[in-house]
Amino acid sequence: MWPIIMAVLRRNAVYITLPIAAVVGFIGYNLERKLSDRYTPYSKSIQECRAERLAEEELTDPTGVEKLRLNTNVLERNLSPSLQPKT
């Protein structure tokens, strides 16, 4: 008897699993709908945060900017002690 039942289930697995999955999905959807909190707190968008940050940067003192030019040559920064000029 079991081999016949297993053969029928194996042959018709697609037709058997679809209704079972639909019932489980329907129950899960309604259960989550009843139990979960649907309130999502407001958070600013990325564009709003960027606009506020840029506005704050414009309000800072423009004279406090560090010089953009390098005082020394890039190649002179990491010289070994033997290659450094004698002062």
PDB file of N, CA and C in Angstrom:
ATOM      1  N   MET A   1       0.815  -1.197   0.000  1.00  0.00           N
ATOM      2  CA  MET A   1       0.000   0.000   0.000  1.00  0.00           C
ATOM      3  C   MET A   1       0.860   1.264   0.000  1.00  0.00           C
ATOM      4  N   TRP A   2       1.934   1.277   0.869  1.00  0.00           N
ATOM      5  CA  TRP A   2       2.796   2.456   0.927  1.00  0.00           C
ATOM      6  C   TRP A   2       3.515   2.725  -0.393  1.00  0.00           C
ATOM      7  N   PRO A   3       3.997   1.714  -1.078  1.00  0.00           N
ATOM      8  CA  PRO A   3       4.641   1.996  -2.367  1.00  0.00           C
ATOM      9  C   PRO A   3       3.692   2.645  -3.378  1.00  0.00           C
ATOM     10  N   ILE A   4       2.444   2.271  -3.347  1.00  0.00           N
ATOM     11  CA  ILE A   4       1.468   2.864  -4.279  1.00  0.00           C
ATOM     12  C   ILE A   4       1.232   4.332  -3.907  1.00  0.00           C
ATOM     13  N   ILE A   5       1.093   4.625  -2.597  1.00  0.00           N
ATOM     14  CA  ILE A   5       0.869   6.009  -2.134  1.00  0.00           C
ATOM     15  C   ILE A   5       2.085   6.876  -2.475  1.00  0.00           C
ATOM     16  N   MET A   6       3.288   6.344  -2.236  1.00  0.00           N
ATOM     17  CA  MET A   6       4.497   7.104  -2.534  1.00  0.00           C
ATOM     18  C   MET A   6       4.639   7.356  -4.029  1.00  0.00           C
ATOM     19  N   ALA A   7       4.282   6.399  -4.839  1.00  0.00           N
ATOM     20  CA  ALA A   7       4.358   6.582  -6.294  1.00  0.00           C
ATOM     21  C   ALA A   7       3.384   7.667  -6.756  1.00  0.00           C
ATOM     22  N   VAL A   8       2.173   7.665  -6.191  1.00  0.00           N
ATOM     23  CA  VAL A   8       1.184   8.692  -6.546  1.00  0.00           C
ATOM     24  C   VAL A   8       1.663  10.066  -6.086  1.00  0.00           C
ATOM     25  N   LEU A   9       2.209  10.151  -4.866  1.00  0.00           N
ATOM     26  CA  LEU A   9       2.715  11.425  -4.358  1.00  0.00           C
ATOM     27  C   LEU A   9       3.903  11.921  -5.193  1.00  0.00           C
ATOM     28  N   ARG A  10       4.783  11.022  -5.583  1.00  0.00           N
ATOM     29  CA  ARG A  10       5.945  11.393  -6.376  1.00  0.00           C
ATOM     30  C   ARG A  10       5.525  11.891  -7.763  1.00  0.00           C
ATOM     31  N   ARG A  11       4.558  11.255  -8.344  1.00  0.00           N
ATOM     32  CA  ARG A  11       4.091  11.615  -9.674  1.00  0.00           C
ATOM     33  C   ARG A  11       3.344  12.949  -9.658  1.00  0.00           C
ATOM     34  N   ASN A  12       2.609  13.232  -8.595  1.00  0.00           N
ATOM     35  CA  ASN A  12       1.782  14.436  -8.519  1.00  0.00           C
ATOM     36  C   ASN A  12       2.309  15.445  -7.491  1.00  0.00           C
ATOM     37  N   ALA A  13       3.604  15.490  -7.288  1.00  0.00           N
ATOM     38  CA  ALA A  13       4.178  16.359  -6.268  1.00  0.00           C
ATOM     39  C   ALA A  13       3.909  17.832  -6.551  1.00  0.00           C
ATOM     40  N   VAL A  14       3.949  18.223  -7.814  1.00  0.00           N
ATOM     41  CA  VAL A  14       3.714  19.622  -8.166  1.00  0.00           C
ATOM     42  C   VAL A  14       2.292  20.029  -7.804  1.00  0.00           C
ATOM     43  N   TYR A  15       1.354  19.180  -8.057  1.00  0.00           N
ATOM     44  CA  TYR A  15      -0.053  19.503  -7.802  1.00  0.00           C
ATOM     45  C   TYR A  15      -0.404  19.434  -6.320  1.00  0.00           C
ATOM     46  N   ILE A  16       0.380  18.713  -5.552  1.00  0.00           N
ATOM     47  CA  ILE A  16       0.117  18.594  -4.118  1.00  0.00           C
ATOM     48  C   ILE A  16       0.782  19.732  -3.345  1.00  0.00           C
ATOM     49  N   THR A  17       2.006  20.117  -3.728  1.00  0.00           N
ATOM     50  CA  THR A  17       2.733  21.129  -2.963  1.00  0.00           C
ATOM     51  C   THR A  17       2.195  22.537  -3.164  1.00  0.00           C
ATOM     52  N   LEU A  18       1.628  22.852  -4.322  1.00  0.00           N
ATOM     53  CA  LEU A  18       1.121  24.204  -4.552  1.00  0.00           C
ATOM     54  C   LEU A  18      -0.012  24.572  -3.593  1.00  0.00           C
ATOM     55  N   PRO A  19      -1.039  23.760  -3.410  1.00  0.00           N
ATOM     56  CA  PRO A  19      -2.086  24.142  -2.445  1.00  0.00           C
ATOM     57  C   PRO A  19      -1.567  24.200  -1.009  1.00  0.00           C
ATOM     58  N   ILE A  20      -0.650  23.309  -0.651  1.00  0.00           N
ATOM     59  CA  ILE A  20      -0.100  23.329   0.710  1.00  0.00           C
ATOM     60  C   ILE A  20       0.692  24.611   0.924  1.00  0.00           C
ATOM     61  N   ALA A  21       1.513  25.005  -0.045  1.00  0.00           N
ATOM     62  CA  ALA A  21       2.286  26.237   0.068  1.00  0.00           C
ATOM     63  C   ALA A  21       1.369  27.456   0.119  1.00  0.00           C
ATOM     64  N   ALA A  22       0.281  27.444  -0.631  1.00  0.00           N
ATOM     65  CA  ALA A  22      -0.659  28.568  -0.621  1.00  0.00           C
ATOM     66  C   ALA A  22      -1.333  28.698   0.738  1.00  0.00           C
ATOM     67  N   VAL A  23      -1.718  27.589   1.341  1.00  0.00           N
ATOM     68  CA  VAL A  23      -2.369  27.622   2.657  1.00  0.00           C
ATOM     69  C   VAL A  23      -1.389  28.107   3.720  1.00  0.00           C
ATOM     70  N   VAL A  24      -0.167  27.589   3.698  1.00  0.00           N
ATOM     71  CA  VAL A  24       0.835  28.015   4.674  1.00  0.00           C
ATOM     72  C   VAL A  24       1.148  29.505   4.499  1.00  0.00           C
ATOM     73  N   GLY A  25       1.270  29.971   3.270  1.00  0.00           N
ATOM     74  CA  GLY A  25       1.531  31.369   3.008  1.00  0.00           C
ATOM     75  C   GLY A  25       0.397  32.271   3.464  1.00  0.00           C
ATOM     76  N   PHE A  26      -0.830  31.865   3.222  1.00  0.00           N
ATOM     77  CA  PHE A  26      -1.995  32.648   3.638  1.00  0.00           C
ATOM     78  C   PHE A  26      -2.071  32.765   5.160  1.00  0.00           C
ATOM     79  N   ILE A  27      -1.841  31.639   5.840  1.00  0.00           N
ATOM     80  CA  ILE A  27      -1.867  31.657   7.312  1.00  0.00           C
ATOM     81  C   ILE A  27      -0.726  32.526   7.853  1.00  0.00           C
ATOM     82  N   GLY A  28       0.460  32.393   7.297  1.00  0.00           N
ATOM     83  CA  GLY A  28       1.601  33.182   7.751  1.00  0.00           C
ATOM     84  C   GLY A  28       1.408  34.668   7.501  1.00  0.00           C
ATOM     85  N   TYR A  29       0.856  35.026   6.353  1.00  0.00           N
ATOM     86  CA  TYR A  29       0.614  36.432   6.026  1.00  0.00           C
ATOM     87  C   TYR A  29      -0.362  37.051   7.014  1.00  0.00           C
ATOM     88  N   ASN A  30      -1.458  36.370   7.279  1.00  0.00           N
ATOM     89  CA  ASN A  30      -2.461  36.915   8.203  1.00  0.00           C
ATOM     90  C   ASN A  30      -1.964  36.930   9.640  1.00  0.00           C
ATOM     91  N   LEU A  31      -1.207  35.935  10.040  1.00  0.00           N
ATOM     92  CA  LEU A  31      -0.651  35.904  11.388  1.00  0.00           C
ATOM     93  C   LEU A  31       0.336  37.057  11.590  1.00  0.00           C
ATOM     94  N   GLU A  32       1.200  37.287  10.615  1.00  0.00           N
ATOM     95  CA  GLU A  32       2.154  38.385  10.730  1.00  0.00           C
ATOM     96  C   GLU A  32       1.426  39.733  10.703  1.00  0.00           C
ATOM     97  N   ARG A  33       0.389  39.833   9.936  1.00  0.00           N
ATOM     98  CA  ARG A  33      -0.383  41.077   9.862  1.00  0.00           C
ATOM     99  C   ARG A  33      -1.027  41.416  11.202  1.00  0.00           C
ATOM    100  N   LYS A  34      -1.491  40.397  11.914  1.00  0.00           N
ATOM    101  CA  LYS A  34      -2.132  40.637  13.203  1.00  0.00           C
ATOM    102  C   LYS A  34      -1.120  40.898  14.317  1.00  0.00           C
ATOM    103  N   LEU A  35       0.023  40.232  14.284  1.00  0.00           N
ATOM    104  CA  LEU A  35       0.981  40.315  15.376  1.00  0.00           C
ATOM    105  C   LEU A  35       1.994  41.453  15.238  1.00  0.00           C
ATOM    106  N   SER A  36       2.326  41.853  14.030  1.00  0.00           N
ATOM    107  CA  SER A  36       3.408  42.826  13.873  1.00  0.00           C
ATOM    108  C   SER A  36       2.897  44.255  14.024  1.00  0.00           C
ATOM    109  N   ASP A  37       3.848  45.118  14.357  1.00  0.00           N
ATOM    110  CA  ASP A  37       3.566  46.542  14.477  1.00  0.00           C
ATOM    111  C   ASP A  37       3.827  47.177  13.110  1.00  0.00           C
ATOM    112  N   ARG A  38       2.843  47.857  12.561  1.00  0.00           N
ATOM    113  CA  ARG A  38       2.979  48.405  11.219  1.00  0.00           C
ATOM    114  C   ARG A  38       3.544  49.816  11.217  1.00  0.00           C
ATOM    115  N   TYR A  39       3.902  50.339  12.374  1.00  0.00           N
ATOM    116  CA  TYR A  39       4.425  51.692  12.444  1.00  0.00           C
ATOM    117  C   TYR A  39       5.916  51.697  12.082  1.00  0.00           C
ATOM    118  N   THR A  40       6.282  52.481  11.104  1.00  0.00           N
ATOM    119  CA  THR A  40       7.669  52.645  10.712  1.00  0.00           C
ATOM    120  C   THR A  40       8.086  54.071  11.029  1.00  0.00           C
ATOM    121  N   PRO A  41       9.090  54.268  11.875  1.00  0.00           N
ATOM    122  CA  PRO A  41       9.481  55.632  12.226  1.00  0.00           C
ATOM    123  C   PRO A  41      10.069  56.362  11.026  1.00  0.00           C
ATOM    124  N   TYR A  42       9.887  57.680  11.031  1.00  0.00           N
ATOM    125  CA  TYR A  42      10.376  58.507   9.938  1.00  0.00           C
ATOM    126  C   TYR A  42      11.880  58.689  10.056  1.00  0.00           C
ATOM    127  N   SER A  43      12.559  58.572   8.953  1.00  0.00           N
ATOM    128  CA  SER A  43      13.983  58.885   8.905  1.00  0.00           C
ATOM    129  C   SER A  43      14.224  59.724   7.660  1.00  0.00           C
ATOM    130  N   LYS A  44      15.139  60.667   7.799  1.00  0.00           N
ATOM    131  CA  LYS A  44      15.409  61.577   6.694  1.00  0.00           C
ATOM    132  C   LYS A  44      16.016  60.819   5.520  1.00  0.00           C
ATOM    133  N   SER A  45      15.730  61.330   4.335  1.00  0.00           N
ATOM    134  CA  SER A  45      16.309  60.713   3.154  1.00  0.00           C
ATOM    135  C   SER A  45      17.772  61.109   3.032  1.00  0.00           C
ATOM    136  N   ILE A  46      18.484  60.411   2.192  1.00  0.00           N
ATOM    137  CA  ILE A  46      19.898  60.681   1.999  1.00  0.00           C
ATOM    138  C   ILE A  46      20.090  62.067   1.406  1.00  0.00           C
ATOM    139  N   GLN A  47      19.197  62.468   0.502  1.00  0.00           N
ATOM    140  CA  GLN A  47      19.310  63.792  -0.108  1.00  0.00           C
ATOM    141  C   GLN A  47      19.127  64.887   0.939  1.00  0.00           C
ATOM    142  N   GLU A  48      18.188  64.699   1.867  1.00  0.00           N
ATOM    143  CA  GLU A  48      17.972  65.694   2.921  1.00  0.00           C
ATOM    144  C   GLU A  48      19.182  65.796   3.837  1.00  0.00           C
ATOM    145  N   CYS A  49      19.764  64.679   4.217  1.00  0.00           N
ATOM    146  CA  CYS A  49      20.957  64.678   5.078  1.00  0.00           C
ATOM    147  C   CYS A  49      22.120  65.366   4.372  1.00  0.00           C
ATOM    148  N   ARG A  50      22.286  65.105   3.091  1.00  0.00           N
ATOM    149  CA  ARG A  50      23.378  65.716   2.340  1.00  0.00           C
ATOM    150  C   ARG A  50      23.168  67.214   2.229  1.00  0.00           C
ATOM    151  N   ALA A  51      21.937  67.648   1.964  1.00  0.00           N
ATOM    152  CA  ALA A  51      21.659  69.077   1.858  1.00  0.00           C
ATOM    153  C   ALA A  51      21.937  69.787   3.187  1.00  0.00           C
ATOM    154  N   GLU A  52      21.571  69.175   4.299  1.00  0.00           N
ATOM    155  CA  GLU A  52      21.835  69.776   5.612  1.00  0.00           C
ATOM    156  C   GLU A  52      23.341  69.845   5.891  1.00  0.00           C
ATOM    157  N   ARG A  53      24.078  68.791   5.552  1.00  0.00           N
ATOM    158  CA  ARG A  53      25.513  68.780   5.786  1.00  0.00           C
ATOM    159  C   ARG A  53      26.205  69.851   4.942  1.00  0.00           C
ATOM    160  N   LEU A  54      25.786  69.989   3.680  1.00  0.00           N
ATOM    161  CA  LEU A  54      26.385  71.013   2.829  1.00  0.00           C
ATOM    162  C   LEU A  54      26.049  72.412   3.327  1.00  0.00           C
ATOM    163  N   ALA A  55      24.840  72.598   3.842  1.00  0.00           N
ATOM    164  CA  ALA A  55      24.465  73.902   4.380  1.00  0.00           C
ATOM    165  C   ALA A  55      25.295  74.233   5.617  1.00  0.00           C
ATOM    166  N   GLU A  56      25.562  73.249   6.469  1.00  0.00           N
ATOM    167  CA  GLU A  56      26.396  73.477   7.655  1.00  0.00           C
ATOM    168  C   GLU A  56      27.834  73.794   7.264  1.00  0.00           C
ATOM    169  N   GLU A  57      28.338  73.146   6.222  1.00  0.00           N
ATOM    170  CA  GLU A  57      29.700  73.408   5.777  1.00  0.00           C
ATOM    171  C   GLU A  57      29.833  74.810   5.208  1.00  0.00           C
ATOM    172  N   GLU A  58      28.786  75.321   4.567  1.00  0.00           N
ATOM    173  CA  GLU A  58      28.834  76.676   4.016  1.00  0.00           C
ATOM    174  C   GLU A  58      28.839  77.719   5.124  1.00  0.00           C
ATOM    175  N   LEU A  59      28.278  77.391   6.287  1.00  0.00           N
ATOM    176  CA  LEU A  59      28.214  78.345   7.382  1.00  0.00           C
ATOM    177  C   LEU A  59      29.531  78.454   8.157  1.00  0.00           C
ATOM    178  N   THR A  60      30.434  77.517   7.943  1.00  0.00           N
ATOM    179  CA  THR A  60      31.700  77.570   8.675  1.00  0.00           C
ATOM    180  C   THR A  60      32.561  78.708   8.146  1.00  0.00           C
ATOM    181  N   ASP A  61      33.551  79.112   8.917  1.00  0.00           N
ATOM    182  CA  ASP A  61      34.429  80.229   8.579  1.00  0.00           C
ATOM    183  C   ASP A  61      35.324  79.853   7.399  1.00  0.00           C
ATOM    184  N   PRO A  62      35.230  80.551   6.278  1.00  0.00           N
ATOM    185  CA  PRO A  62      36.039  80.178   5.110  1.00  0.00           C
ATOM    186  C   PRO A  62      37.512  80.526   5.266  1.00  0.00           C
ATOM    187  N   THR A  63      37.873  81.362   6.246  1.00  0.00           N
ATOM    188  CA  THR A  63      39.277  81.719   6.401  1.00  0.00           C
ATOM    189  C   THR A  63      40.060  80.670   7.172  1.00  0.00           C
ATOM    190  N   GLY A  64      39.392  79.728   7.783  1.00  0.00           N
ATOM    191  CA  GLY A  64      40.057  78.696   8.568  1.00  0.00           C
ATOM    192  C   GLY A  64      40.498  77.507   7.743  1.00  0.00           C
ATOM    193  N   VAL A  65      40.596  77.659   6.421  1.00  0.00           N
ATOM    194  CA  VAL A  65      40.948  76.537   5.559  1.00  0.00           C
ATOM    195  C   VAL A  65      42.463  76.389   5.511  1.00  0.00           C
ATOM    196  N   GLU A  66      42.928  75.180   5.590  1.00  0.00           N
ATOM    197  CA  GLU A  66      44.354  74.899   5.515  1.00  0.00           C
ATOM    198  C   GLU A  66      44.832  75.115   4.084  1.00  0.00           C
ATOM    199  N   LYS A  67      46.101  75.493   3.908  1.00  0.00           N
ATOM    200  CA  LYS A  67      46.630  75.720   2.569  1.00  0.00           C
ATOM    201  C   LYS A  67      46.544  74.440   1.757  1.00  0.00           C
ATOM    202  N   LEU A  68      46.235  74.601   0.499  1.00  0.00           N
ATOM    203  CA  LEU A  68      46.087  73.438  -0.357  1.00  0.00           C
ATOM    204  C   LEU A  68      47.418  72.998  -0.964  1.00  0.00           C
ATOM    205  N   ARG A  69      48.396  73.893  -1.018  1.00  0.00           N
ATOM    206  CA  ARG A  69      49.688  73.531  -1.586  1.00  0.00           C
ATOM    207  C   ARG A  69      50.532  72.788  -0.553  1.00  0.00           C
ATOM    208  N   LEU A  70      51.361  71.906  -1.034  1.00  0.00           N
ATOM    209  CA  LEU A  70      52.274  71.178  -0.157  1.00  0.00           C
ATOM    210  C   LEU A  70      53.498  72.040   0.120  1.00  0.00           C
ATOM    211  N   ASN A  71      53.980  72.025   1.342  1.00  0.00           N
ATOM    212  CA  ASN A  71      55.170  72.787   1.695  1.00  0.00           C
ATOM    213  C   ASN A  71      56.442  72.096   1.240  1.00  0.00           C
ATOM    214  N   THR A  72      56.401  70.790   1.163  1.00  0.00           N
ATOM    215  CA  THR A  72      57.590  70.040   0.761  1.00  0.00           C
ATOM    216  C   THR A  72      57.252  69.189  -0.439  1.00  0.00           C
ATOM    217  N   ASN A  73      58.291  68.717  -1.077  1.00  0.00           N
ATOM    218  CA  ASN A  73      58.124  67.838  -2.220  1.00  0.00           C
ATOM    219  C   ASN A  73      57.625  66.476  -1.721  1.00  0.00           C
ATOM    220  N   VAL A  74      56.830  65.832  -2.494  1.00  0.00           N
ATOM    221  CA  VAL A  74      56.274  64.538  -2.099  1.00  0.00           C
ATOM    222  C   VAL A  74      57.388  63.503  -1.950  1.00  0.00           C
ATOM    223  N   LEU A  75      58.385  63.592  -2.789  1.00  0.00           N
ATOM    224  CA  LEU A  75      59.467  62.608  -2.742  1.00  0.00           C
ATOM    225  C   LEU A  75      60.392  62.824  -1.551  1.00  0.00           C
ATOM    226  N   GLU A  76      60.372  64.013  -0.949  1.00  0.00           N
ATOM    227  CA  GLU A  76      61.252  64.282   0.178  1.00  0.00           C
ATOM    228  C   GLU A  76      60.647  63.850   1.517  1.00  0.00           C
ATOM    229  N   ARG A  77      59.454  63.464   1.546  1.00  0.00           N
ATOM    230  CA  ARG A  77      58.805  63.114   2.814  1.00  0.00           C
ATOM    231  C   ARG A  77      59.387  61.872   3.453  1.00  0.00           C
ATOM    232  N   ASN A  78      59.575  60.829   2.660  1.00  0.00           N
ATOM    233  CA  ASN A  78      59.985  59.538   3.217  1.00  0.00           C
ATOM    234  C   ASN A  78      61.424  59.203   2.850  1.00  0.00           C
ATOM    235  N   LEU A  79      62.297  60.156   2.965  1.00  0.00           N
ATOM    236  CA  LEU A  79      63.694  59.885   2.674  1.00  0.00           C
ATOM    237  C   LEU A  79      64.344  59.135   3.826  1.00  0.00           C
ATOM    238  N   SER A  80      65.255  58.262   3.459  1.00  0.00           N
ATOM    239  CA  SER A  80      65.999  57.577   4.497  1.00  0.00           C
ATOM    240  C   SER A  80      66.962  58.569   5.151  1.00  0.00           C
ATOM    241  N   PRO A  81      67.393  58.325   6.371  1.00  0.00           N
ATOM    242  CA  PRO A  81      68.289  59.266   7.057  1.00  0.00           C
ATOM    243  C   PRO A  81      69.590  59.530   6.299  1.00  0.00           C
ATOM    244  N   SER A  82      70.081  58.558   5.559  1.00  0.00           N
ATOM    245  CA  SER A  82      71.343  58.755   4.844  1.00  0.00           C
ATOM    246  C   SER A  82      71.180  59.702   3.653  1.00  0.00           C
ATOM    247  N   LEU A  83      69.959  59.844   3.127  1.00  0.00           N
ATOM    248  CA  LEU A  83      69.744  60.715   1.984  1.00  0.00           C
ATOM    249  C   LEU A  83      69.236  62.096   2.363  1.00  0.00           C
ATOM    250  N   GLN A  84      68.963  62.337   3.613  1.00  0.00           N
ATOM    251  CA  GLN A  84      68.461  63.639   4.028  1.00  0.00           C
ATOM    252  C   GLN A  84      69.567  64.681   3.959  1.00  0.00           C
ATOM    253  N   PRO A  85      69.189  65.897   3.578  1.00  0.00           N
ATOM    254  CA  PRO A  85      70.233  66.942   3.479  1.00  0.00           C
ATOM    255  C   PRO A  85      70.767  67.284   4.867  1.00  0.00           C
ATOM    256  N   LYS A  86      72.067  67.608   4.926  1.00  0.00           N
ATOM    257  CA  LYS A  86      72.704  67.956   6.200  1.00  0.00           C
ATOM    258  C   LYS A  86      72.396  69.426   6.511  1.00  0.00           C
ATOM    259  N   THR A  87      71.894  69.690   7.704  1.00  0.00           N
ATOM    260  CA  THR A  87      71.596  71.076   8.080  1.00  0.00           C
ATOM    261  C   THR A  87      72.421  71.530   9.236  1.00  0.00           C
TER     262      THR A  87
END
